[in-house]
Amino acid sequence: QVQLVESGGGLVQAGGSLRLSCAASGRTFSRYAMGWFRQAPGKEREMVATISWNGVNTYYKDSVKGRFTISRDNAKNTVYLQMNSLKPEDTAVYYCVMGGRPYSSKTPSNEYDYWGQGTQVTVSS
């Protein structure tokens, strides 16, 4: 079965950086879009960044554009989220996700079928 294992979360001061990693197994990683969602306490889950199967297409939530970068290494079955200039409002549990359809250039938010267990990111002011 598909397993997505996140790492790299933690506590950081505002303005700092973190890099999240997600190692995937159980499926041919290079065929599927990957992404990151997050959920803060009392708020709805939101899509933060996604990357197509071949890395050509990316999406970023407006509030993270210019600060976050999503990338993937298909040889390592891993997707990354580099987060710079972190703000307290970035505090949330971050989830790694994998798309349901192979070779999709644009995967809607409701078509990410597989989820990791989440990693906590806390940004102090």
N, C-alpha and C. Protein backbone atom coordinates (compact mmCIF):
# COMPACT_ATOMS: atom_id res chain seq x y z
N GLN A 1 0.85 -1.18 0.00
CA GLN A 1 0.00 0.00 0.00
C GLN A 1 0.89 1.25 0.00
N VAL A 2 0.28 2.36 -0.36
CA VAL A 2 1.03 3.61 -0.43
C VAL A 2 1.33 4.11 0.98
N GLN A 3 2.56 4.50 1.19
CA GLN A 3 2.96 5.13 2.45
C GLN A 3 3.68 6.43 2.14
N LEU A 4 3.30 7.47 2.85
CA LEU A 4 3.94 8.77 2.75
C LEU A 4 4.42 9.15 4.14
N VAL A 5 5.70 9.37 4.27
CA VAL A 5 6.28 9.65 5.58
C VAL A 5 6.97 11.01 5.55
N GLU A 6 6.41 11.95 6.31
CA GLU A 6 6.95 13.30 6.36
C GLU A 6 8.02 13.42 7.44
N SER A 7 8.91 14.36 7.23
CA SER A 7 9.90 14.70 8.25
C SER A 7 10.32 16.15 8.04
N GLY A 8 10.97 16.71 9.06
CA GLY A 8 11.52 18.05 8.92
C GLY A 8 10.76 19.15 9.63
N GLY A 9 9.62 18.81 10.22
CA GLY A 9 8.88 19.84 10.95
C GLY A 9 9.58 20.21 12.24
N GLY A 10 9.06 21.24 12.90
CA GLY A 10 9.66 21.65 14.16
C GLY A 10 9.26 23.05 14.54
N LEU A 11 10.00 23.60 15.49
CA LEU A 11 9.77 24.94 16.00
C LEU A 11 10.84 25.88 15.46
N VAL A 12 10.41 26.99 14.92
CA VAL A 12 11.35 27.96 14.35
C VAL A 12 10.84 29.37 14.64
N GLN A 13 11.75 30.31 14.74
CA GLN A 13 11.35 31.70 14.94
C GLN A 13 10.90 32.32 13.62
N ALA A 14 10.07 33.32 13.74
CA ALA A 14 9.62 34.04 12.55
C ALA A 14 10.83 34.53 11.76
N GLY A 15 10.74 34.38 10.44
CA GLY A 15 11.84 34.74 9.57
C GLY A 15 12.79 33.59 9.27
N GLY A 16 12.62 32.51 9.99
CA GLY A 16 13.49 31.35 9.81
C GLY A 16 13.04 30.45 8.68
N SER A 17 13.74 29.33 8.54
CA SER A 17 13.48 28.39 7.45
C SER A 17 13.37 26.96 7.97
N LEU A 18 12.61 26.18 7.24
CA LEU A 18 12.53 24.74 7.46
C LEU A 18 12.39 24.07 6.10
N ARG A 19 12.86 22.82 6.03
CA ARG A 19 12.64 22.04 4.83
C ARG A 19 11.92 20.75 5.22
N LEU A 20 10.74 20.58 4.66
CA LEU A 20 9.99 19.34 4.87
C LEU A 20 10.34 18.35 3.78
N SER A 21 10.39 17.08 4.15
CA SER A 21 10.63 16.01 3.20
C SER A 21 9.51 14.98 3.34
N CYS A 22 9.22 14.31 2.24
CA CYS A 22 8.21 13.25 2.27
C CYS A 22 8.71 12.11 1.40
N ALA A 23 8.93 10.98 2.05
CA ALA A 23 9.38 9.78 1.35
C ALA A 23 8.18 8.90 1.03
N ALA A 24 8.04 8.53 -0.23
CA ALA A 24 6.90 7.74 -0.68
C ALA A 24 7.31 6.33 -1.02
N SER A 25 6.39 5.40 -0.80
CA SER A 25 6.61 4.00 -1.17
C SER A 25 5.28 3.36 -1.50
N GLY A 26 5.36 2.23 -2.20
CA GLY A 26 4.15 1.48 -2.52
C GLY A 26 3.52 1.80 -3.84
N ARG A 27 4.13 2.73 -4.59
CA ARG A 27 3.56 3.12 -5.87
C ARG A 27 4.70 3.69 -6.70
N THR A 28 4.51 3.74 -8.03
CA THR A 28 5.55 4.32 -8.89
C THR A 28 5.50 5.83 -8.75
N PHE A 29 6.33 6.33 -7.87
CA PHE A 29 6.32 7.74 -7.47
C PHE A 29 6.36 8.68 -8.66
N SER A 30 7.19 8.38 -9.64
CA SER A 30 7.43 9.31 -10.73
C SER A 30 6.21 9.53 -11.63
N ARG A 31 5.15 8.79 -11.44
CA ARG A 31 3.96 8.92 -12.29
C ARG A 31 2.92 9.87 -11.71
N TYR A 32 3.08 10.29 -10.48
CA TYR A 32 2.00 10.97 -9.78
C TYR A 32 2.38 12.35 -9.27
N ALA A 33 1.38 13.24 -9.34
CA ALA A 33 1.54 14.54 -8.72
C ALA A 33 1.69 14.39 -7.21
N MET A 34 2.43 15.33 -6.65
CA MET A 34 2.63 15.35 -5.20
C MET A 34 2.31 16.75 -4.68
N GLY A 35 2.08 16.85 -3.40
CA GLY A 35 1.78 18.16 -2.86
C GLY A 35 1.85 18.21 -1.35
N TRP A 36 1.59 19.40 -0.86
CA TRP A 36 1.55 19.65 0.58
C TRP A 36 0.28 20.43 0.91
N PHE A 37 -0.43 19.94 1.90
CA PHE A 37 -1.57 20.64 2.48
C PHE A 37 -1.18 21.01 3.91
N ARG A 38 -1.96 21.90 4.51
CA ARG A 38 -1.74 22.20 5.93
C ARG A 38 -3.07 22.49 6.60
N GLN A 39 -3.07 22.30 7.91
CA GLN A 39 -4.27 22.60 8.69
C GLN A 39 -3.85 23.20 10.02
N ALA A 40 -4.31 24.41 10.26
CA ALA A 40 -4.06 25.08 11.53
C ALA A 40 -5.23 24.83 12.47
N PRO A 41 -5.01 24.95 13.77
CA PRO A 41 -6.10 24.71 14.72
C PRO A 41 -7.30 25.61 14.44
N GLY A 42 -8.47 25.00 14.37
CA GLY A 42 -9.69 25.75 14.16
C GLY A 42 -9.92 26.25 12.74
N LYS A 43 -9.04 25.83 11.83
CA LYS A 43 -9.16 26.29 10.44
C LYS A 43 -9.31 25.10 9.51
N GLU A 44 -9.80 25.40 8.31
CA GLU A 44 -9.95 24.34 7.32
C GLU A 44 -8.60 23.96 6.72
N ARG A 45 -8.53 22.74 6.25
CA ARG A 45 -7.32 22.28 5.58
C ARG A 45 -7.18 23.03 4.26
N GLU A 46 -5.96 23.41 3.91
CA GLU A 46 -5.75 24.16 2.67
C GLU A 46 -4.56 23.61 1.90
N MET A 47 -4.65 23.73 0.59
CA MET A 47 -3.59 23.26 -0.30
C MET A 47 -2.51 24.33 -0.36
N VAL A 48 -1.30 23.96 -0.05
CA VAL A 48 -0.20 24.91 0.03
C VAL A 48 0.63 24.94 -1.25
N ALA A 49 1.01 23.78 -1.74
CA ALA A 49 1.85 23.71 -2.93
C ALA A 49 1.72 22.32 -3.55
N THR A 50 1.79 22.28 -4.88
CA THR A 50 1.74 21.00 -5.58
C THR A 50 2.74 21.01 -6.73
N ILE A 51 3.08 19.80 -7.16
CA ILE A 51 4.02 19.66 -8.27
C ILE A 51 3.57 18.49 -9.12
N SER A 52 3.59 18.66 -10.43
CA SER A 52 3.15 17.60 -11.33
C SER A 52 4.13 16.44 -11.34
N TRP A 53 3.73 15.36 -11.97
CA TRP A 53 4.52 14.13 -11.96
C TRP A 53 5.93 14.34 -12.50
N ASN A 54 6.06 15.23 -13.49
CA ASN A 54 7.36 15.47 -14.13
C ASN A 54 8.03 16.74 -13.63
N GLY A 55 7.41 17.40 -12.67
CA GLY A 55 8.02 18.61 -12.11
C GLY A 55 7.82 19.87 -12.92
N VAL A 56 7.10 19.77 -14.03
CA VAL A 56 6.96 20.92 -14.92
C VAL A 56 5.98 21.95 -14.35
N ASN A 57 4.89 21.47 -13.80
CA ASN A 57 3.85 22.38 -13.29
C ASN A 57 3.85 22.42 -11.77
N THR A 58 3.80 23.63 -11.25
CA THR A 58 3.70 23.81 -9.81
C THR A 58 2.57 24.78 -9.49
N TYR A 59 2.08 24.65 -8.28
CA TYR A 59 1.04 25.55 -7.77
C TYR A 59 1.45 25.98 -6.38
N TYR A 60 1.19 27.25 -6.06
CA TYR A 60 1.42 27.75 -4.70
C TYR A 60 0.22 28.57 -4.25
N LYS A 61 -0.14 28.37 -3.03
CA LYS A 61 -1.13 29.25 -2.41
C LYS A 61 -0.56 30.67 -2.40
N ASP A 62 -1.41 31.64 -2.63
CA ASP A 62 -0.93 33.02 -2.77
C ASP A 62 -0.07 33.46 -1.58
N SER A 63 -0.47 33.08 -0.40
CA SER A 63 0.21 33.60 0.79
C SER A 63 1.61 33.01 0.98
N VAL A 64 1.98 31.98 0.20
CA VAL A 64 3.32 31.40 0.35
C VAL A 64 4.19 31.64 -0.88
N LYS A 65 3.62 32.23 -1.92
CA LYS A 65 4.40 32.49 -3.13
C LYS A 65 5.62 33.36 -2.81
N GLY A 66 6.74 32.96 -3.38
CA GLY A 66 7.98 33.71 -3.14
C GLY A 66 8.70 33.30 -1.86
N ARG A 67 8.03 32.51 -1.01
CA ARG A 67 8.66 32.06 0.25
C ARG A 67 8.86 30.55 0.29
N PHE A 68 7.93 29.81 -0.30
CA PHE A 68 7.98 28.35 -0.30
C PHE A 68 8.36 27.85 -1.69
N THR A 69 9.08 26.73 -1.72
CA THR A 69 9.42 26.09 -2.99
C THR A 69 9.20 24.59 -2.86
N ILE A 70 8.42 24.05 -3.78
CA ILE A 70 8.21 22.61 -3.80
C ILE A 70 9.10 22.00 -4.88
N SER A 71 9.65 20.83 -4.58
CA SER A 71 10.50 20.15 -5.56
C SER A 71 10.36 18.64 -5.33
N ARG A 72 10.84 17.89 -6.30
CA ARG A 72 10.79 16.45 -6.17
C ARG A 72 12.03 15.80 -6.74
N ASP A 73 12.38 14.67 -6.18
CA ASP A 73 13.49 13.87 -6.67
C ASP A 73 12.93 12.49 -6.97
N ASN A 74 12.65 12.24 -8.23
CA ASN A 74 12.00 10.97 -8.59
C ASN A 74 12.93 9.77 -8.37
N ALA A 75 14.22 10.00 -8.38
CA ALA A 75 15.15 8.90 -8.13
C ALA A 75 15.13 8.47 -6.66
N LYS A 76 14.75 9.41 -5.79
CA LYS A 76 14.70 9.12 -4.35
C LYS A 76 13.27 8.95 -3.83
N ASN A 77 12.28 9.05 -4.73
CA ASN A 77 10.87 8.93 -4.33
C ASN A 77 10.53 9.91 -3.21
N THR A 78 11.02 11.12 -3.35
CA THR A 78 10.87 12.10 -2.29
C THR A 78 10.42 13.45 -2.85
N VAL A 79 9.55 14.10 -2.11
CA VAL A 79 9.12 15.45 -2.43
C VAL A 79 9.52 16.34 -1.25
N TYR A 80 9.85 17.59 -1.58
CA TYR A 80 10.34 18.53 -0.57
C TYR A 80 9.50 19.80 -0.57
N LEU A 81 9.50 20.46 0.57
CA LEU A 81 8.92 21.79 0.66
C LEU A 81 9.90 22.66 1.43
N GLN A 82 10.58 23.53 0.70
CA GLN A 82 11.49 24.48 1.33
C GLN A 82 10.69 25.70 1.75
N MET A 83 10.73 26.01 3.01
CA MET A 83 9.94 27.12 3.55
C MET A 83 10.88 28.17 4.14
N ASN A 84 10.88 29.34 3.53
CA ASN A 84 11.72 30.44 3.99
C ASN A 84 10.85 31.59 4.49
N SER A 85 11.46 32.50 5.20
CA SER A 85 10.76 33.68 5.71
C SER A 85 9.46 33.29 6.40
N LEU A 86 9.54 32.31 7.25
CA LEU A 86 8.34 31.79 7.89
C LEU A 86 7.69 32.82 8.79
N LYS A 87 6.36 32.74 8.83
CA LYS A 87 5.55 33.65 9.62
C LYS A 87 4.73 32.86 10.63
N PRO A 88 4.31 33.49 11.71
CA PRO A 88 3.48 32.76 12.70
C PRO A 88 2.23 32.14 12.07
N GLU A 89 1.69 32.80 11.05
CA GLU A 89 0.49 32.26 10.40
C GLU A 89 0.75 31.01 9.57
N ASP A 90 2.01 30.64 9.41
CA ASP A 90 2.35 29.38 8.74
C ASP A 90 2.26 28.19 9.70
N THR A 91 2.04 28.47 10.97
CA THR A 91 1.94 27.40 11.96
C THR A 91 0.77 26.49 11.64
N ALA A 92 1.05 25.19 11.52
CA ALA A 92 0.02 24.22 11.14
C ALA A 92 0.64 22.83 11.14
N VAL A 93 -0.23 21.84 10.98
CA VAL A 93 0.24 20.49 10.66
C VAL A 93 0.30 20.41 9.14
N TYR A 94 1.44 20.00 8.63
CA TYR A 94 1.65 19.91 7.18
C TYR A 94 1.56 18.45 6.76
N TYR A 95 0.77 18.22 5.71
CA TYR A 95 0.54 16.87 5.21
C TYR A 95 1.08 16.72 3.80
N CYS A 96 1.79 15.66 3.56
CA CYS A 96 2.23 15.28 2.23
C CYS A 96 1.11 14.50 1.56
N VAL A 97 0.88 14.77 0.27
CA VAL A 97 -0.19 14.10 -0.46
C VAL A 97 0.30 13.61 -1.81
N MET A 98 -0.38 12.58 -2.31
CA MET A 98 -0.07 12.03 -3.63
C MET A 98 -1.35 11.98 -4.45
N GLY A 99 -1.24 12.38 -5.71
CA GLY A 99 -2.39 12.38 -6.60
C GLY A 99 -2.87 10.98 -6.95
N GLY A 100 -4.14 10.92 -7.38
CA GLY A 100 -4.74 9.64 -7.69
C GLY A 100 -4.56 9.18 -9.12
N ARG A 101 -4.36 10.11 -10.05
CA ARG A 101 -4.27 9.76 -11.47
C ARG A 101 -2.84 9.92 -11.96
N PRO A 102 -2.34 8.94 -12.69
CA PRO A 102 -0.97 9.05 -13.20
C PRO A 102 -0.87 10.08 -14.33
N TYR A 103 0.29 10.66 -14.44
CA TYR A 103 0.63 11.57 -15.53
C TYR A 103 -0.32 12.77 -15.63
N SER A 104 -0.83 13.22 -14.52
CA SER A 104 -1.71 14.38 -14.51
C SER A 104 -0.88 15.65 -14.41
N SER A 105 -1.14 16.61 -15.33
CA SER A 105 -0.38 17.86 -15.29
C SER A 105 -0.96 18.84 -14.28
N LYS A 106 -2.28 18.73 -14.06
CA LYS A 106 -2.93 19.59 -13.06
C LYS A 106 -3.91 18.74 -12.26
N THR A 107 -3.62 18.55 -11.01
CA THR A 107 -4.46 17.70 -10.16
C THR A 107 -5.29 18.56 -9.22
N PRO A 108 -6.62 18.49 -9.33
CA PRO A 108 -7.47 19.27 -8.42
C PRO A 108 -7.26 18.86 -6.96
N SER A 109 -7.58 19.78 -6.08
CA SER A 109 -7.30 19.54 -4.66
C SER A 109 -8.03 18.30 -4.13
N ASN A 110 -9.19 17.98 -4.71
CA ASN A 110 -9.95 16.83 -4.21
C ASN A 110 -9.51 15.50 -4.84
N GLU A 111 -8.44 15.51 -5.60
CA GLU A 111 -7.98 14.27 -6.23
C GLU A 111 -6.63 13.81 -5.68
N TYR A 112 -6.29 14.30 -4.52
CA TYR A 112 -5.11 13.78 -3.83
C TYR A 112 -5.61 12.68 -2.89
N ASP A 113 -5.37 11.45 -3.28
CA ASP A 113 -5.99 10.30 -2.63
C ASP A 113 -5.21 9.76 -1.44
N TYR A 114 -3.93 10.05 -1.39
CA TYR A 114 -3.09 9.47 -0.35
C TYR A 114 -2.47 10.58 0.49
N TRP A 115 -2.48 10.35 1.80
CA TRP A 115 -2.03 11.37 2.75
C TRP A 115 -1.03 10.77 3.74
N GLY A 116 -0.06 11.58 4.10
CA GLY A 116 0.84 11.20 5.18
C GLY A 116 0.21 11.47 6.53
N GLN A 117 0.97 11.19 7.58
CA GLN A 117 0.43 11.36 8.93
C GLN A 117 0.53 12.79 9.43
N GLY A 118 1.30 13.60 8.75
CA GLY A 118 1.42 15.01 9.11
C GLY A 118 2.64 15.29 9.97
N THR A 119 3.16 16.49 9.83
CA THR A 119 4.27 16.94 10.66
C THR A 119 3.98 18.37 11.13
N GLN A 120 4.25 18.63 12.39
CA GLN A 120 3.91 19.92 12.98
C GLN A 120 4.98 20.96 12.65
N VAL A 121 4.53 22.11 12.19
CA VAL A 121 5.40 23.27 12.00
C VAL A 121 4.87 24.38 12.89
N THR A 122 5.73 24.89 13.76
CA THR A 122 5.34 25.96 14.66
C THR A 122 6.30 27.12 14.49
N VAL A 123 5.75 28.29 14.18
CA VAL A 123 6.56 29.48 13.98
C VAL A 123 6.25 30.46 15.10
N SER A 124 7.25 30.78 15.89
CA SER A 124 7.05 31.69 17.01
C SER A 124 7.34 33.13 16.59
N SER A 125 6.64 34.05 17.20
CA SER A 125 6.81 35.47 16.84
C SER A 125 7.89 36.13 17.69
